[in-house]
Structures are given as C-alpha cells and as structure tokens.
Amino acid sequence: MRERYRWVVLGVATFTQAASGFFVQGIGAMGVHLQRDLGLSTAQLGLLLSAAQLAPLVGLLVAGELLDRHDERWVVGAGACVVAVSLGVGGTTRTYESLLLVLLVVGAGYSTVQPGGSKSVASWFDTSQRGLAMGIRQAGLPLGGVLAAATLPALAAELGLRAALTAGALVALLGAVAFVTLYRRPPARPLPGPPGGSLGSRSRMLREPAMVRTVVSGMSLVSVHSGIGVLTALYLHEVTALEAGPAALALVAVQGAGVAGRVCLAAWSDRGRSGHHTCVLTCVAAVTVGMSALATPVGRSSVAACLVFVWLGFFGIGWYGPWVAHVAESAPPGRTGFVLGAAMAANQIAVVLAPPALGLVKDLTGGFTAPWLLLSALTAVTLPATASGHRRPRRYGPAEAVREQDTNEVSGH
C-alpha cells in the first residue's frame, strides 16, 4: 500500500503546486495584453511578478516552522485556499495598484505550497528515488506555466483580465481541495512536535559552506527562471517580430521544456555518481551559454531564438528538482521544513528583485541585450563557487535533533 500510495501523494502534490501557481505563471504570457490594457512599462510588468513573490520572503520561513509543527495536509491546503480566495476577489479589480495588492496576498498563500509539497514528497520517497520524485513534483510549477500560457492570454483577449483572474481562482481551489482530500502522512511517521534547537543552531545550519554554495547557485538560477518568464514573449514580439499569439505559444514550449528538464535532470541526478551537485553545475554552465547566445545576432532570428529559449527552459527551469532534493537531504533531523523554507526564502530575494530589475534595464537601454548579458554574467560568476561544492553538507548530531524523526530515517535511508 505504501509503495502505491506514495505515487498518489506525488501526483496530488504536483497538481496542487501547478494549480496554485497557475495564474502567476501566466503573467509573462499575458505581458503584451497587460501592457496594452493597463498601459504598463516593462518594469511595471516585472513588478507584478515581484509582488507575488514578495510575501514569501518572510512567508517561507513562517511556513517552514508551521510544517515542522503541524501536518502539511492542513498547512498546504490552507495556503492554496488563500491563493484561490485572493484571486477570486481580484476578479473585481480594475486598476494596476489593486492587482499588485491581490498578488501580494497570493504570494502569502503560496508560501506554504512550495515547501509543504516538497516536504510531503520527501517523507514518502527514499533517497534512491527522491531526486526523480522531487523533479516530477517541482515540474508542477512550469506545468502550470504551460497551461497558463496556453489558455490565459486567449481568455484575457476575449473576456478581459477579470475572467483570467477568476479562472486562476477556480484552478487554485481545485488544488486545495485535492491536497486536503488525498494527502496522508506516511504510516510510520509520527505527528510533529514543537521543534527544538536554538536560534544559534539554526543559524549554523545556514552558514555551512556547502549550504551557502547551494543557496548562491539557487539564487542565480532562479534569476534566470524569472527573466525567462517575464521577457521571453516580449522579446520574441519586439525583436523577432512574432505576433503576440505565437510569442505566447513559444513560451508554452519553453515551459514544456522546463517540465521535461525537471523530470529528466532529476532522474539523472539520482543515477549519477556525483548526485545532485553535478546536475546543478551543468545547469549553471548551460544557462550561461544560452543567455550569451541571445545577446548575439543568433538571437534575432525567430527560429534560432525559440530554440535557445527551449534550451534555457530545459536547464534554466529544470534545475529546481535536483536542487530541492539536495537541500532536503542536507537538513538536520526534524528540521526539513525549516531548511527548505529558509533556502527557498533566500531564492525569493532574487525572485523579487530580478523581474523589475531586468525590466528596468530593458527600459533604460532600449533593448534586451543588456538584460541577457547581465544574467549571463551572474551565472558565470556563480559557476566557480558551484563547482567547488562537491561535498555533501555536514550532518548534524543528536544534540540538534527534535521530536520528529528524520525524514530520511522514516523513508529507509
């Protein structure tokens, strides 16, 4: 029963993430319509994405603590409900400012879905398959992006932005209901108790050199992911002269490549001798090459640019599964929720800053070359630090354990 039910857990965790991130992942694909209807600059469009990612800066830390104290079934379900209700209320909005406020609340609700789903999957799968399971689960985000890019622009064009918001609310509600209905904790895993460990011990977890390198690589790669999401459709429309519809469909292909990347790269990381580290390092190198290519004349051809974006989708979105699996395995006993929340909160800094910053650079320079070179330089600088992180983070001793069993012990590690 356990062998079979863990796939149910993986499926519902993946669906809930896709459903909760559905609307936000569609903002980039709706970029042409949003700029036209609301009169937005590229920086303002990027700020919409940042608004949805601002609350998780703190929310992920809070969610991590909640997940170490309470059943993730209710923590994740409540967060997904917040996403649904806020988008439903957003269906009545008419201004840019009110949309920003709605997306702030959406981000607060989504804060529980990301680490909660990761923890639920980690608790059901042992280390021999955890990378693949995490990759499939983390594919939920670009999968939601594929569906959003395929449907929301057309919906916004035909019925307006409020209809797109309402659709996003209904999808998020389905995700909440599915998780609360179907998710159960592993039979051998006890209910969480109050987490132990001092503030100093928590700080030491995050200051471990291997953990710092992991977080730095995550921040650089998530900046690339953000740049792809907000600028791809605009770039193809303005530079390669693709119409808004085909440009949005190209973003569907990019997100689809991200889905494939998250599964394939995670499966590779489970089988490779160097595990997740080599996989993340490969992704850093690959996106450096891809971003550099966009800044050359190759990027001005619509066909070539689409192929480069698909490459960037595979590596620049696909890296997340192996990265999350590595973070989960580095956590000390009973602190999986806290470590996942803290690492993801660090990523949120880049997620918040990257879209408006890249949009502002594009507005100031009048083109896309500078944003692409900025992202290429960022990943190139990160590459040596990532390459040096070949050892696993230090494991923590019993003194820093808590009442909840180590997820790895429960799953048979």
Protein backbone atom coordinates (compact mmCIF):
# COMPACT_ATOMS: atom_id res chain seq x y z
CA MET A 1 0.00 0.00 0.00
CA ARG A 2 2.83 2.39 0.84
CA GLU A 3 4.55 1.69 -2.48
CA ARG A 4 1.38 2.52 -4.38
CA TYR A 5 0.13 5.41 -2.29
CA ARG A 6 3.35 7.40 -2.49
CA TRP A 7 2.61 7.95 -6.19
CA VAL A 8 -0.78 9.34 -5.24
CA VAL A 9 0.99 11.73 -2.86
CA LEU A 10 3.41 12.76 -5.61
CA GLY A 11 0.56 13.32 -8.06
CA VAL A 12 -1.52 15.45 -5.72
CA ALA A 13 1.50 17.50 -4.57
CA THR A 14 2.41 18.18 -8.20
CA PHE A 15 -1.14 19.13 -9.14
CA THR A 16 -1.55 21.44 -6.16
CA GLN A 17 1.64 23.31 -6.98
CA ALA A 18 0.62 23.65 -10.64
CA ALA A 19 -2.84 24.87 -9.62
CA SER A 20 -1.58 27.35 -7.01
CA GLY A 21 0.99 28.89 -9.35
CA PHE A 22 -1.26 28.80 -12.42
CA PHE A 23 -2.20 32.48 -12.64
CA VAL A 24 1.17 33.93 -11.63
CA GLN A 25 2.95 31.72 -14.16
CA GLY A 26 0.69 33.15 -16.86
CA ILE A 27 1.58 36.80 -16.22
CA GLY A 28 4.56 36.71 -18.59
CA ALA A 29 2.48 35.15 -21.36
CA MET A 30 -0.15 37.86 -20.87
CA GLY A 31 2.55 40.55 -20.95
CA VAL A 32 1.52 42.04 -24.31
CA HIS A 33 -2.14 42.24 -23.23
CA LEU A 34 -1.30 43.66 -19.80
CA GLN A 35 0.94 46.35 -21.27
CA ARG A 36 -1.72 47.30 -23.75
CA ASP A 37 -4.74 47.25 -21.42
CA LEU A 38 -3.12 48.79 -18.33
CA GLY A 39 -0.52 50.94 -20.06
CA LEU A 40 2.43 49.31 -18.26
CA SER A 41 6.15 49.67 -18.79
CA THR A 42 8.33 46.58 -18.81
CA ALA A 43 9.49 47.40 -15.28
CA GLN A 44 5.87 47.65 -14.09
CA LEU A 45 5.10 44.30 -15.71
CA GLY A 46 8.05 42.78 -13.88
CA LEU A 47 6.81 44.31 -10.63
CA LEU A 48 3.60 42.26 -10.95
CA LEU A 49 5.68 39.09 -10.75
CA SER A 50 7.69 40.53 -7.88
CA ALA A 51 4.50 41.38 -5.96
CA ALA A 52 3.50 37.72 -5.99
CA GLN A 53 6.95 36.75 -4.70
CA LEU A 54 7.40 39.44 -2.03
CA ALA A 55 5.39 37.87 0.82
CA PRO A 56 7.27 34.54 0.59
CA LEU A 57 10.45 36.33 1.72
CA VAL A 58 9.00 36.02 5.21
CA GLY A 59 6.19 33.59 4.46
CA LEU A 60 8.51 30.72 3.54
CA LEU A 61 10.26 30.97 6.90
CA VAL A 62 6.91 31.01 8.70
CA ALA A 63 5.68 28.11 6.55
CA GLY A 64 8.80 26.12 7.38
CA GLU A 65 8.13 26.49 11.10
CA LEU A 66 4.46 25.56 10.65
CA LEU A 67 5.42 22.46 8.67
CA ASP A 68 7.72 21.30 11.46
CA ARG A 69 4.86 21.72 13.98
CA HIS A 70 1.71 20.71 12.07
CA ASP A 71 0.51 18.24 9.46
CA GLU A 72 1.38 19.56 5.97
CA ARG A 73 -2.07 18.43 4.77
CA TRP A 74 -3.68 21.41 6.51
CA VAL A 75 -0.81 23.87 6.11
CA VAL A 76 -0.65 23.41 2.33
CA GLY A 77 -4.44 23.23 1.96
CA ALA A 78 -4.94 26.49 3.83
CA GLY A 79 -2.30 28.26 1.75
CA ALA A 80 -3.84 27.10 -1.53
CA CYS A 81 -7.24 28.33 -0.30
CA VAL A 82 -5.74 31.78 0.37
CA VAL A 83 -4.48 31.82 -3.23
CA ALA A 84 -7.94 30.91 -4.53
CA VAL A 85 -9.84 33.45 -2.43
CA SER A 86 -7.47 36.32 -3.21
CA LEU A 87 -7.62 35.67 -6.96
CA GLY A 88 -11.41 35.44 -6.71
CA VAL A 89 -11.51 38.84 -5.03
CA GLY A 90 -9.05 40.05 -7.65
CA GLY A 91 -11.69 39.34 -10.28
CA THR A 92 -13.32 42.60 -9.20
CA THR A 93 -10.16 44.70 -9.66
CA ARG A 94 -9.84 47.36 -12.31
CA THR A 95 -6.50 49.07 -11.64
CA TYR A 96 -2.83 48.20 -11.65
CA GLU A 97 -2.46 49.09 -7.98
CA SER A 98 -5.28 46.78 -6.88
CA LEU A 99 -3.79 43.95 -8.95
CA LEU A 100 -0.47 44.45 -7.16
CA LEU A 101 -2.26 44.12 -3.80
CA VAL A 102 -4.04 40.95 -4.89
CA LEU A 103 -0.76 39.38 -5.97
CA LEU A 104 0.85 40.22 -2.63
CA VAL A 105 -1.84 38.14 -0.89
CA VAL A 106 -1.48 35.37 -3.48
CA GLY A 107 2.22 35.17 -2.61
CA ALA A 108 1.43 34.83 1.09
CA GLY A 109 -0.80 31.84 0.41
CA TYR A 110 1.66 30.22 -1.98
CA SER A 111 4.36 30.37 0.71
CA THR A 112 3.05 27.13 2.24
CA VAL A 113 2.58 25.23 -1.02
CA GLN A 114 6.20 25.21 -2.15
CA PRO A 115 7.99 23.86 0.97
CA GLY A 116 4.94 21.87 2.12
CA GLY A 117 4.69 19.92 -1.10
CA SER A 118 8.45 19.31 -1.11
CA LYS A 119 8.38 18.02 2.46
CA SER A 120 5.41 15.74 1.77
CA VAL A 121 7.19 14.14 -1.19
CA ALA A 122 10.49 13.82 0.70
CA SER A 123 8.74 11.97 3.52
CA TRP A 124 7.28 9.32 1.18
CA PHE A 125 10.32 8.62 -1.06
CA ASP A 126 13.72 7.27 -0.03
CA THR A 127 16.97 8.70 -1.35
CA SER A 128 17.22 6.25 -4.26
CA GLN A 129 14.20 7.89 -5.92
CA ARG A 130 13.90 11.21 -4.13
CA GLY A 131 15.60 13.23 -6.87
CA LEU A 132 13.21 11.88 -9.52
CA ALA A 133 10.22 12.37 -7.22
CA MET A 134 11.27 15.94 -6.44
CA GLY A 135 11.83 16.61 -10.13
CA ILE A 136 8.34 15.41 -11.01
CA ARG A 137 6.83 17.37 -8.14
CA GLN A 138 8.78 20.54 -8.97
CA ALA A 139 7.64 20.16 -12.58
CA GLY A 140 4.28 21.34 -11.25
CA LEU A 141 5.37 24.97 -11.49
CA PRO A 142 6.36 25.01 -15.19
CA LEU A 143 3.45 22.63 -15.89
CA GLY A 144 1.14 25.28 -14.50
CA GLY A 145 3.05 27.75 -16.68
CA VAL A 146 2.42 25.63 -19.78
CA LEU A 147 -1.32 25.52 -19.13
CA ALA A 148 -1.45 29.18 -18.19
CA ALA A 149 0.48 30.33 -21.26
CA ALA A 150 -1.79 28.22 -23.45
CA THR A 151 -5.07 29.50 -22.00
CA LEU A 152 -4.83 32.77 -20.10
CA PRO A 153 -3.71 35.08 -22.96
CA ALA A 154 -6.62 33.91 -25.10
CA LEU A 155 -9.01 34.24 -22.16
CA ALA A 156 -7.75 37.74 -21.37
CA ALA A 157 -8.03 38.77 -25.03
CA GLU A 158 -11.60 37.51 -25.35
CA LEU A 159 -13.13 38.21 -21.92
CA GLY A 160 -10.66 40.50 -20.15
CA LEU A 161 -8.28 40.31 -17.20
CA ARG A 162 -11.03 39.70 -14.63
CA ALA A 163 -12.01 36.46 -16.37
CA ALA A 164 -8.38 35.32 -16.26
CA LEU A 165 -8.24 36.06 -12.51
CA THR A 166 -11.45 34.14 -11.88
CA ALA A 167 -10.12 31.16 -13.83
CA GLY A 168 -6.95 31.25 -11.74
CA ALA A 169 -9.06 31.25 -8.55
CA LEU A 170 -11.03 28.18 -9.61
CA VAL A 171 -7.91 26.25 -10.55
CA ALA A 172 -6.22 27.09 -7.23
CA LEU A 173 -9.33 25.98 -5.34
CA LEU A 174 -9.21 22.61 -7.11
CA GLY A 175 -5.63 22.23 -5.97
CA ALA A 176 -6.54 22.98 -2.35
CA VAL A 177 -9.42 20.51 -2.32
CA ALA A 178 -7.32 17.78 -3.93
CA PHE A 179 -4.48 18.08 -1.41
CA VAL A 180 -6.71 18.16 1.68
CA THR A 181 -8.75 15.22 0.38
CA LEU A 182 -5.98 12.91 -0.80
CA TYR A 183 -2.81 13.62 1.19
CA ARG A 184 -1.94 11.47 4.21
CA ARG A 185 1.22 11.26 6.27
CA PRO A 186 3.41 8.13 5.98
CA PRO A 187 2.17 5.46 8.42
CA ALA A 188 5.49 5.19 10.28
CA ARG A 189 5.92 8.92 10.68
CA PRO A 190 4.80 10.49 13.99
CA LEU A 191 2.94 13.73 14.26
CA PRO A 192 5.27 16.73 14.53
CA GLY A 193 6.06 18.19 17.92
CA PRO A 194 7.47 21.56 18.92
CA PRO A 195 10.84 21.87 17.17
CA GLY A 196 13.93 22.04 19.31
CA GLY A 197 17.27 23.68 18.71
CA SER A 198 18.33 27.20 19.49
CA LEU A 199 18.43 30.18 17.16
CA GLY A 200 22.20 29.74 17.06
CA SER A 201 21.94 26.13 15.88
CA ARG A 202 19.56 27.19 13.12
CA SER A 203 21.95 29.91 12.06
CA ARG A 204 24.81 27.40 11.92
CA MET A 205 22.80 25.21 9.55
CA LEU A 206 22.54 28.06 7.07
CA ARG A 207 26.17 29.17 7.44
CA GLU A 208 27.60 25.79 6.41
CA PRO A 209 29.82 26.45 3.32
CA ALA A 210 28.09 23.76 1.27
CA MET A 211 24.69 25.22 2.14
CA VAL A 212 25.87 28.72 1.20
CA ARG A 213 27.07 27.47 -2.18
CA THR A 214 23.77 25.70 -2.74
CA VAL A 215 21.81 28.86 -1.95
CA VAL A 216 24.04 31.02 -4.19
CA SER A 217 23.55 28.67 -7.13
CA GLY A 218 19.80 28.66 -6.46
CA MET A 219 19.62 32.47 -6.43
CA SER A 220 21.45 32.80 -9.76
CA LEU A 221 19.39 30.12 -11.50
CA VAL A 222 16.09 31.40 -10.17
CA SER A 223 17.01 34.84 -11.58
CA VAL A 224 17.32 33.20 -14.99
CA HIS A 225 13.96 31.48 -14.50
CA SER A 226 12.37 34.85 -13.63
CA GLY A 227 13.95 36.52 -16.63
CA ILE A 228 12.67 33.81 -18.96
CA GLY A 229 9.18 34.13 -17.55
CA VAL A 230 8.82 37.90 -17.85
CA LEU A 231 10.85 38.70 -21.00
CA THR A 232 10.52 35.77 -23.43
CA ALA A 233 7.19 36.71 -25.02
CA LEU A 234 8.10 40.41 -25.15
CA TYR A 235 11.50 39.65 -26.71
CA LEU A 236 10.05 37.42 -29.42
CA HIS A 237 7.35 40.00 -30.16
CA GLU A 238 9.58 43.09 -30.25
CA VAL A 239 12.88 41.73 -31.58
CA THR A 240 11.96 38.80 -33.84
CA ALA A 241 8.61 40.29 -34.95
CA LEU A 242 6.47 37.36 -33.84
CA GLU A 243 2.83 38.24 -33.19
CA ALA A 244 1.58 38.18 -29.59
CA GLY A 245 -0.19 34.83 -30.05
CA PRO A 246 2.79 32.90 -31.48
CA ALA A 247 5.09 34.54 -28.93
CA ALA A 248 2.87 33.26 -26.10
CA LEU A 249 2.84 29.79 -27.69
CA ALA A 250 6.63 29.86 -27.82
CA LEU A 251 6.56 30.45 -24.07
CA VAL A 252 4.36 27.35 -23.80
CA ALA A 253 7.14 25.36 -25.48
CA VAL A 254 9.72 26.90 -23.13
CA GLN A 255 7.69 25.96 -20.07
CA GLY A 256 7.18 22.49 -21.53
CA ALA A 257 10.94 22.15 -21.87
CA GLY A 258 11.17 23.16 -18.22
CA VAL A 259 8.76 20.36 -17.26
CA ALA A 260 10.87 17.86 -19.19
CA GLY A 261 14.04 19.28 -17.65
CA ARG A 262 12.80 18.95 -14.10
CA VAL A 263 11.98 15.28 -14.62
CA CYS A 264 14.95 14.26 -16.78
CA LEU A 265 17.59 16.17 -14.84
CA ALA A 266 16.25 14.87 -11.54
CA ALA A 267 16.33 11.28 -12.82
CA TRP A 268 19.91 11.81 -13.97
CA SER A 269 20.88 13.24 -10.58
CA ASP A 270 19.58 10.08 -8.86
CA ARG A 271 21.78 7.86 -11.04
CA GLY A 272 24.93 9.95 -11.37
CA ARG A 273 27.88 9.26 -9.08
CA SER A 274 28.18 12.91 -8.09
CA GLY A 275 24.44 13.14 -7.49
CA HIS A 276 22.64 16.43 -7.43
CA HIS A 277 25.72 18.66 -7.38
CA THR A 278 26.93 17.77 -10.89
CA CYS A 279 23.43 18.24 -12.25
CA VAL A 280 23.10 21.74 -10.79
CA LEU A 281 26.60 22.64 -12.02
CA THR A 282 25.67 21.53 -15.55
CA CYS A 283 22.59 23.74 -15.44
CA VAL A 284 24.60 26.79 -14.37
CA ALA A 285 27.01 26.28 -17.28
CA ALA A 286 24.21 25.64 -19.79
CA VAL A 287 22.24 28.79 -18.97
CA THR A 288 25.43 30.88 -19.15
CA VAL A 289 25.92 29.70 -22.72
CA GLY A 290 22.25 30.20 -23.63
CA MET A 291 21.99 33.72 -22.24
CA SER A 292 25.18 34.71 -24.05
CA ALA A 293 23.75 33.37 -27.33
CA LEU A 294 20.67 35.58 -27.03
CA ALA A 295 22.92 38.66 -26.92
CA THR A 296 24.45 37.76 -30.32
CA PRO A 297 22.91 38.09 -33.82
CA VAL A 298 21.71 34.48 -33.42
CA GLY A 299 19.05 35.76 -31.04
CA ARG A 300 17.47 37.96 -33.71
CA SER A 301 16.24 35.03 -35.74
CA SER A 302 12.81 33.90 -34.55
CA VAL A 303 13.60 30.22 -35.13
CA ALA A 304 17.03 30.37 -33.51
CA ALA A 305 15.76 32.44 -30.59
CA CYS A 306 12.94 29.98 -29.93
CA LEU A 307 15.43 27.10 -29.90
CA VAL A 308 17.68 28.97 -27.47
CA PHE A 309 14.71 29.70 -25.21
CA VAL A 310 13.76 26.00 -25.24
CA TRP A 311 17.37 25.20 -24.22
CA LEU A 312 17.08 27.76 -21.43
CA GLY A 313 13.73 26.32 -20.41
CA PHE A 314 15.20 22.83 -20.07
CA PHE A 315 18.19 23.90 -17.97
CA GLY A 316 17.08 27.27 -16.58
CA ILE A 317 13.81 25.85 -15.23
CA GLY A 318 14.73 22.17 -14.96
CA TRP A 319 17.44 22.66 -12.31
CA TYR A 320 15.00 23.01 -9.43
CA GLY A 321 14.20 19.35 -8.72
CA PRO A 322 17.81 18.24 -8.05
CA TRP A 323 18.45 21.44 -6.12
CA VAL A 324 15.47 20.90 -3.79
CA ALA A 325 16.39 17.25 -3.28
CA HIS A 326 19.90 18.30 -2.23
CA VAL A 327 18.54 20.89 0.19
CA ALA A 328 16.12 18.37 1.74
CA GLU A 329 18.88 15.80 2.26
CA SER A 330 21.17 18.37 3.87
CA ALA A 331 18.61 19.16 6.59
CA PRO A 332 19.33 18.01 10.16
CA PRO A 333 16.89 15.67 11.94
CA GLY A 334 13.40 17.12 12.17
CA ARG A 335 14.32 20.42 10.51
CA THR A 336 13.45 19.63 6.89
CA GLY A 337 10.66 22.21 6.86
CA PHE A 338 12.84 24.97 8.30
CA VAL A 339 15.80 24.33 5.98
CA LEU A 340 13.59 24.11 2.88
CA GLY A 341 11.76 27.28 3.90
CA ALA A 342 14.99 29.17 4.62
CA ALA A 343 16.68 28.13 1.36
CA MET A 344 13.60 28.96 -0.68
CA ALA A 345 13.26 32.30 1.15
CA ALA A 346 16.81 33.15 0.08
CA ASN A 347 15.81 32.36 -3.50
CA GLN A 348 12.86 34.70 -3.10
CA ILE A 349 15.23 37.65 -2.81
CA ALA A 350 16.28 37.01 -6.40
CA VAL A 351 12.73 36.20 -7.49
CA VAL A 352 11.52 39.55 -6.14
CA LEU A 353 14.37 41.66 -7.48
CA ALA A 354 15.01 40.06 -10.87
CA PRO A 355 11.80 40.81 -12.86
CA PRO A 356 11.55 44.58 -12.18
CA ALA A 357 15.34 44.98 -12.33
CA LEU A 358 15.58 43.24 -15.71
CA GLY A 359 12.56 45.19 -16.96
CA LEU A 360 14.13 48.45 -15.81
CA VAL A 361 17.42 47.62 -17.54
CA LYS A 362 15.50 46.90 -20.71
CA ASP A 363 13.58 50.19 -20.46
CA LEU A 364 16.74 52.22 -19.77
CA THR A 365 18.82 50.65 -22.54
CA GLY A 366 16.00 50.33 -25.06
CA GLY A 367 16.77 46.70 -25.82
CA PHE A 368 17.20 43.20 -24.46
CA THR A 369 20.97 42.74 -24.91
CA ALA A 370 21.83 44.23 -21.52
CA PRO A 371 19.39 42.02 -19.52
CA TRP A 372 20.66 38.87 -21.25
CA LEU A 373 24.30 39.80 -20.64
CA LEU A 374 23.52 40.64 -17.01
CA LEU A 375 22.03 37.19 -16.43
CA SER A 376 24.90 35.52 -18.28
CA ALA A 377 27.44 37.35 -16.11
CA LEU A 378 25.56 36.40 -12.94
CA THR A 379 25.62 32.67 -13.70
CA ALA A 380 29.22 32.84 -14.94
CA VAL A 381 30.32 34.35 -11.63
CA THR A 382 28.39 31.64 -9.76
CA LEU A 383 29.94 28.79 -11.74
CA PRO A 384 33.28 28.53 -9.83
CA ALA A 385 31.53 28.58 -6.44
CA THR A 386 29.12 25.87 -7.57
CA ALA A 387 31.97 23.77 -8.96
CA SER A 388 33.74 23.83 -5.58
CA GLY A 389 30.72 22.45 -3.72
CA HIS A 390 31.35 18.78 -4.50
CA ARG A 391 30.95 17.56 -0.92
CA ARG A 392 27.66 17.00 0.86
CA PRO A 393 26.78 19.42 3.66
CA ARG A 394 27.77 18.33 7.17
CA ARG A 395 25.24 16.20 9.05
CA TYR A 396 24.20 17.43 12.46
CA GLY A 397 24.49 15.49 15.68
CA PRO A 398 21.82 14.22 18.06
CA ALA A 399 22.06 17.32 20.22
CA GLU A 400 20.30 19.25 17.49
CA ALA A 401 17.63 16.63 16.82
CA VAL A 402 13.98 17.18 17.60
CA ARG A 403 10.95 15.07 18.40
CA GLU A 404 10.05 14.42 14.78
CA GLN A 405 12.05 11.64 13.12
CA ASP A 406 14.44 12.44 10.36
CA THR A 407 12.62 12.19 7.06
CA ASN A 408 15.44 10.07 5.68
CA GLU A 409 15.15 7.59 8.55
CA VAL A 410 11.42 7.25 8.02
CA SER A 411 11.85 6.58 4.32
CA GLY A 412 14.51 3.92 4.89
CA HIS A 413 17.73 5.88 4.23
